[in-house]
Amino acid sequence: MVRPKSIRLFETFYLGSVLVEAVNTAMTWAATDANPQTIQVKQMLGPWFPALLTVFTFTLWLLLWYFAARSRSNVARWAIAVLYVLGLIGFVFSLTVSGPQSALPLGLSVVSLVLTTLAVICLFRRDASAWFGASA
């Protein structure tokens, strides 16, 4: 089966979101590494833990992309949707709890969130549901 338009759009939006997040992570790495909470985590779990967690997160996102867009995995589609909702809740929570944030990292987070929102919407369009073998 040829990949439907919604799946091709999903790939564009989702991979764009991952790229924006990678840029944002690279830009804020030094500030995050100097954060007192990060320092405490590094003391408890080891200095390598934040980097390992970052690699794990990006690997998970890319694996979910592959299994949803290329392997037609309905489980991956729903995992992406669940992680999106959790990420949205976390984003709103961080806005309400944290103090003022730098404009560029916050802007990149918003761009990434918008791209992910569009990607998730594409996963549940009619032609995408047919791609995953779900009834439309």
C-alpha atoms as a PDB file:
ATOM      1  CA  MET A   1       0.000   0.000   0.000  1.00  0.00           C
ATOM      2  CA  VAL A   2       1.260   3.469  -0.881  1.00  0.00           C
ATOM      3  CA  ARG A   3       1.630   5.668   2.177  1.00  0.00           C
ATOM      4  CA  PRO A   4      -1.355   8.015   2.365  1.00  0.00           C
ATOM      5  CA  LYS A   5      -1.041  11.786   2.397  1.00  0.00           C
ATOM      6  CA  SER A   6      -1.804  11.964   6.132  1.00  0.00           C
ATOM      7  CA  ILE A   7       1.107   9.658   6.927  1.00  0.00           C
ATOM      8  CA  ARG A   8       3.478  11.684   4.743  1.00  0.00           C
ATOM      9  CA  LEU A   9       2.288  14.852   6.507  1.00  0.00           C
ATOM     10  CA  PHE A  10       2.682  13.133   9.869  1.00  0.00           C
ATOM     11  CA  GLU A  11       6.307  12.372   9.016  1.00  0.00           C
ATOM     12  CA  THR A  12       7.012  15.965   8.018  1.00  0.00           C
ATOM     13  CA  PHE A  13       5.417  17.470  11.124  1.00  0.00           C
ATOM     14  CA  TYR A  14       6.733  14.853  13.553  1.00  0.00           C
ATOM     15  CA  LEU A  15      10.316  14.829  12.309  1.00  0.00           C
ATOM     16  CA  GLY A  16      10.218  18.638  12.186  1.00  0.00           C
ATOM     17  CA  SER A  17       9.160  18.632  15.820  1.00  0.00           C
ATOM     18  CA  VAL A  18      11.984  16.262  16.762  1.00  0.00           C
ATOM     19  CA  LEU A  19      14.474  18.492  14.918  1.00  0.00           C
ATOM     20  CA  VAL A  20      13.207  21.627  16.693  1.00  0.00           C
ATOM     21  CA  GLU A  21      13.461  19.820  20.030  1.00  0.00           C
ATOM     22  CA  ALA A  22      17.026  18.719  19.216  1.00  0.00           C
ATOM     23  CA  VAL A  23      17.993  22.323  18.480  1.00  0.00           C
ATOM     24  CA  ASN A  24      16.262  23.517  21.649  1.00  0.00           C
ATOM     25  CA  THR A  25      17.991  20.830  23.724  1.00  0.00           C
ATOM     26  CA  ALA A  26      21.401  21.735  22.297  1.00  0.00           C
ATOM     27  CA  MET A  27      20.808  25.442  22.919  1.00  0.00           C
ATOM     28  CA  THR A  28      19.733  24.974  26.528  1.00  0.00           C
ATOM     29  CA  TRP A  29      22.076  22.129  27.491  1.00  0.00           C
ATOM     30  CA  ALA A  30      24.531  24.283  29.472  1.00  0.00           C
ATOM     31  CA  ALA A  31      21.775  26.026  31.431  1.00  0.00           C
ATOM     32  CA  THR A  32      20.019  22.728  32.128  1.00  0.00           C
ATOM     33  CA  ASP A  33      23.286  21.098  33.180  1.00  0.00           C
ATOM     34  CA  ALA A  34      23.915  23.912  35.690  1.00  0.00           C
ATOM     35  CA  ASN A  35      20.387  23.717  37.115  1.00  0.00           C
ATOM     36  CA  PRO A  36      20.394  22.729  40.830  1.00  0.00           C
ATOM     37  CA  GLN A  37      17.852  19.959  40.188  1.00  0.00           C
ATOM     38  CA  THR A  38      20.003  18.511  37.408  1.00  0.00           C
ATOM     39  CA  ILE A  39      23.066  18.671  39.630  1.00  0.00           C
ATOM     40  CA  GLN A  40      21.172  16.768  42.333  1.00  0.00           C
ATOM     41  CA  VAL A  41      20.065  14.104  39.833  1.00  0.00           C
ATOM     42  CA  LYS A  42      23.648  13.752  38.593  1.00  0.00           C
ATOM     43  CA  GLN A  43      24.857  13.280  42.176  1.00  0.00           C
ATOM     44  CA  MET A  44      22.244  10.596  42.817  1.00  0.00           C
ATOM     45  CA  LEU A  45      22.306   8.722  39.502  1.00  0.00           C
ATOM     46  CA  GLY A  46      25.649   9.619  37.970  1.00  0.00           C
ATOM     47  CA  PRO A  47      27.005  12.420  35.781  1.00  0.00           C
ATOM     48  CA  TRP A  48      26.060  10.532  32.616  1.00  0.00           C
ATOM     49  CA  PHE A  49      22.346  10.241  33.473  1.00  0.00           C
ATOM     50  CA  PRO A  50      21.024  13.476  31.831  1.00  0.00           C
ATOM     51  CA  ALA A  51      22.836  12.669  28.578  1.00  0.00           C
ATOM     52  CA  LEU A  52      21.611   9.071  28.662  1.00  0.00           C
ATOM     53  CA  LEU A  53      18.047  10.211  29.294  1.00  0.00           C
ATOM     54  CA  THR A  54      18.265  12.651  26.377  1.00  0.00           C
ATOM     55  CA  VAL A  55      19.584   9.967  24.010  1.00  0.00           C
ATOM     56  CA  PHE A  56      16.881   7.551  25.199  1.00  0.00           C
ATOM     57  CA  THR A  57      14.134  10.137  24.638  1.00  0.00           C
ATOM     58  CA  PHE A  58      15.213  11.030  21.108  1.00  0.00           C
ATOM     59  CA  THR A  59      15.701   7.357  20.252  1.00  0.00           C
ATOM     60  CA  LEU A  60      12.203   6.565  21.500  1.00  0.00           C
ATOM     61  CA  TRP A  61      10.719   9.401  19.415  1.00  0.00           C
ATOM     62  CA  LEU A  62      12.504   8.165  16.283  1.00  0.00           C
ATOM     63  CA  LEU A  63      11.506   4.561  16.893  1.00  0.00           C
ATOM     64  CA  LEU A  64       7.875   5.589  17.308  1.00  0.00           C
ATOM     65  CA  TRP A  65       8.084   7.570  14.065  1.00  0.00           C
ATOM     66  CA  TYR A  66       9.516   4.550  12.244  1.00  0.00           C
ATOM     67  CA  PHE A  67       6.973   2.076  13.563  1.00  0.00           C
ATOM     68  CA  ALA A  68       4.015   4.387  12.926  1.00  0.00           C
ATOM     69  CA  ALA A  69       5.001   5.744   9.520  1.00  0.00           C
ATOM     70  CA  ARG A  70       6.870   2.820   8.026  1.00  0.00           C
ATOM     71  CA  SER A  71       5.702  -0.321   9.836  1.00  0.00           C
ATOM     72  CA  ARG A  72       2.046   0.692  10.202  1.00  0.00           C
ATOM     73  CA  SER A  73       2.029  -0.033  13.940  1.00  0.00           C
ATOM     74  CA  ASN A  74      -1.221   0.968  15.594  1.00  0.00           C
ATOM     75  CA  VAL A  75       0.509   0.575  18.978  1.00  0.00           C
ATOM     76  CA  ALA A  76       3.088   3.204  17.941  1.00  0.00           C
ATOM     77  CA  ARG A  77       0.304   5.515  16.772  1.00  0.00           C
ATOM     78  CA  TRP A  78      -1.398   5.338  20.161  1.00  0.00           C
ATOM     79  CA  ALA A  79       1.908   5.610  22.035  1.00  0.00           C
ATOM     80  CA  ILE A  80       2.627   8.834  20.155  1.00  0.00           C
ATOM     81  CA  ALA A  81      -0.833  10.145  21.056  1.00  0.00           C
ATOM     82  CA  VAL A  82      -0.439   9.261  24.747  1.00  0.00           C
ATOM     83  CA  LEU A  83       3.054  10.783  24.938  1.00  0.00           C
ATOM     84  CA  TYR A  84       1.727  13.893  23.195  1.00  0.00           C
ATOM     85  CA  VAL A  85      -1.008  14.336  25.824  1.00  0.00           C
ATOM     86  CA  LEU A  86       1.490  13.798  28.647  1.00  0.00           C
ATOM     87  CA  GLY A  87       3.871  16.281  27.030  1.00  0.00           C
ATOM     88  CA  LEU A  88       1.084  18.832  26.647  1.00  0.00           C
ATOM     89  CA  ILE A  89       0.182  18.476  30.314  1.00  0.00           C
ATOM     90  CA  GLY A  90       3.845  18.814  31.258  1.00  0.00           C
ATOM     91  CA  PHE A  91       4.242  21.905  29.075  1.00  0.00           C
ATOM     92  CA  VAL A  92       1.221  23.629  30.632  1.00  0.00           C
ATOM     93  CA  PHE A  93       2.391  22.615  34.112  1.00  0.00           C
ATOM     94  CA  SER A  94       5.880  23.999  33.490  1.00  0.00           C
ATOM     95  CA  LEU A  95       4.412  27.299  32.304  1.00  0.00           C
ATOM     96  CA  THR A  96       2.360  27.657  35.473  1.00  0.00           C
ATOM     97  CA  VAL A  97       5.061  26.532  37.920  1.00  0.00           C
ATOM     98  CA  SER A  98       8.297  27.943  36.545  1.00  0.00           C
ATOM     99  CA  GLY A  99       9.252  31.571  36.544  1.00  0.00           C
ATOM    100  CA  PRO A 100      10.021  33.700  33.504  1.00  0.00           C
ATOM    101  CA  GLN A 101      11.592  31.774  30.656  1.00  0.00           C
ATOM    102  CA  SER A 102      13.894  32.869  27.861  1.00  0.00           C
ATOM    103  CA  ALA A 103      11.962  33.802  24.755  1.00  0.00           C
ATOM    104  CA  LEU A 104      13.831  31.659  22.225  1.00  0.00           C
ATOM    105  CA  PRO A 105      13.687  28.302  24.078  1.00  0.00           C
ATOM    106  CA  LEU A 106      10.050  28.942  24.961  1.00  0.00           C
ATOM    107  CA  GLY A 107       9.293  29.842  21.345  1.00  0.00           C
ATOM    108  CA  LEU A 108      11.011  26.698  20.093  1.00  0.00           C
ATOM    109  CA  SER A 109       9.009  24.624  22.580  1.00  0.00           C
ATOM    110  CA  VAL A 110       5.789  26.172  21.270  1.00  0.00           C
ATOM    111  CA  VAL A 111       6.814  25.502  17.652  1.00  0.00           C
ATOM    112  CA  SER A 112       7.620  21.898  18.540  1.00  0.00           C
ATOM    113  CA  LEU A 113       4.292  21.520  20.332  1.00  0.00           C
ATOM    114  CA  VAL A 114       2.375  22.905  17.346  1.00  0.00           C
ATOM    115  CA  LEU A 115       4.211  20.571  14.954  1.00  0.00           C
ATOM    116  CA  THR A 116       3.510  17.598  17.217  1.00  0.00           C
ATOM    117  CA  THR A 117      -0.155  18.590  17.468  1.00  0.00           C
ATOM    118  CA  LEU A 118      -0.415  18.629  13.670  1.00  0.00           C
ATOM    119  CA  ALA A 119       1.413  15.291  13.461  1.00  0.00           C
ATOM    120  CA  VAL A 120      -0.949  13.623  15.934  1.00  0.00           C
ATOM    121  CA  ILE A 121      -3.991  15.007  14.113  1.00  0.00           C
ATOM    122  CA  CYS A 122      -2.640  13.479  10.894  1.00  0.00           C
ATOM    123  CA  LEU A 123      -2.373  10.081  12.570  1.00  0.00           C
ATOM    124  CA  PHE A 124      -6.114   9.977  13.164  1.00  0.00           C
ATOM    125  CA  ARG A 125      -7.408  11.170   9.801  1.00  0.00           C
ATOM    126  CA  ARG A 126      -9.464   8.732   7.736  1.00  0.00           C
ATOM    127  CA  ASP A 127      -6.701   7.733   5.310  1.00  0.00           C
ATOM    128  CA  ALA A 128      -4.264   7.231   8.199  1.00  0.00           C
ATOM    129  CA  SER A 129      -6.752   4.996   9.989  1.00  0.00           C
ATOM    130  CA  ALA A 130      -6.941   2.852   6.863  1.00  0.00           C
ATOM    131  CA  TRP A 131      -3.127   2.745   6.831  1.00  0.00           C
ATOM    132  CA  PHE A 132      -3.152   1.310  10.341  1.00  0.00           C
ATOM    133  CA  GLY A 133      -5.901  -1.138   9.473  1.00  0.00           C
ATOM    134  CA  ALA A 134      -8.517   0.508  11.671  1.00  0.00           C
ATOM    135  CA  SER A 135     -12.098   0.855  10.560  1.00  0.00           C
ATOM    136  CA  ALA A 136     -12.772   4.386   9.326  1.00  0.00           C
END
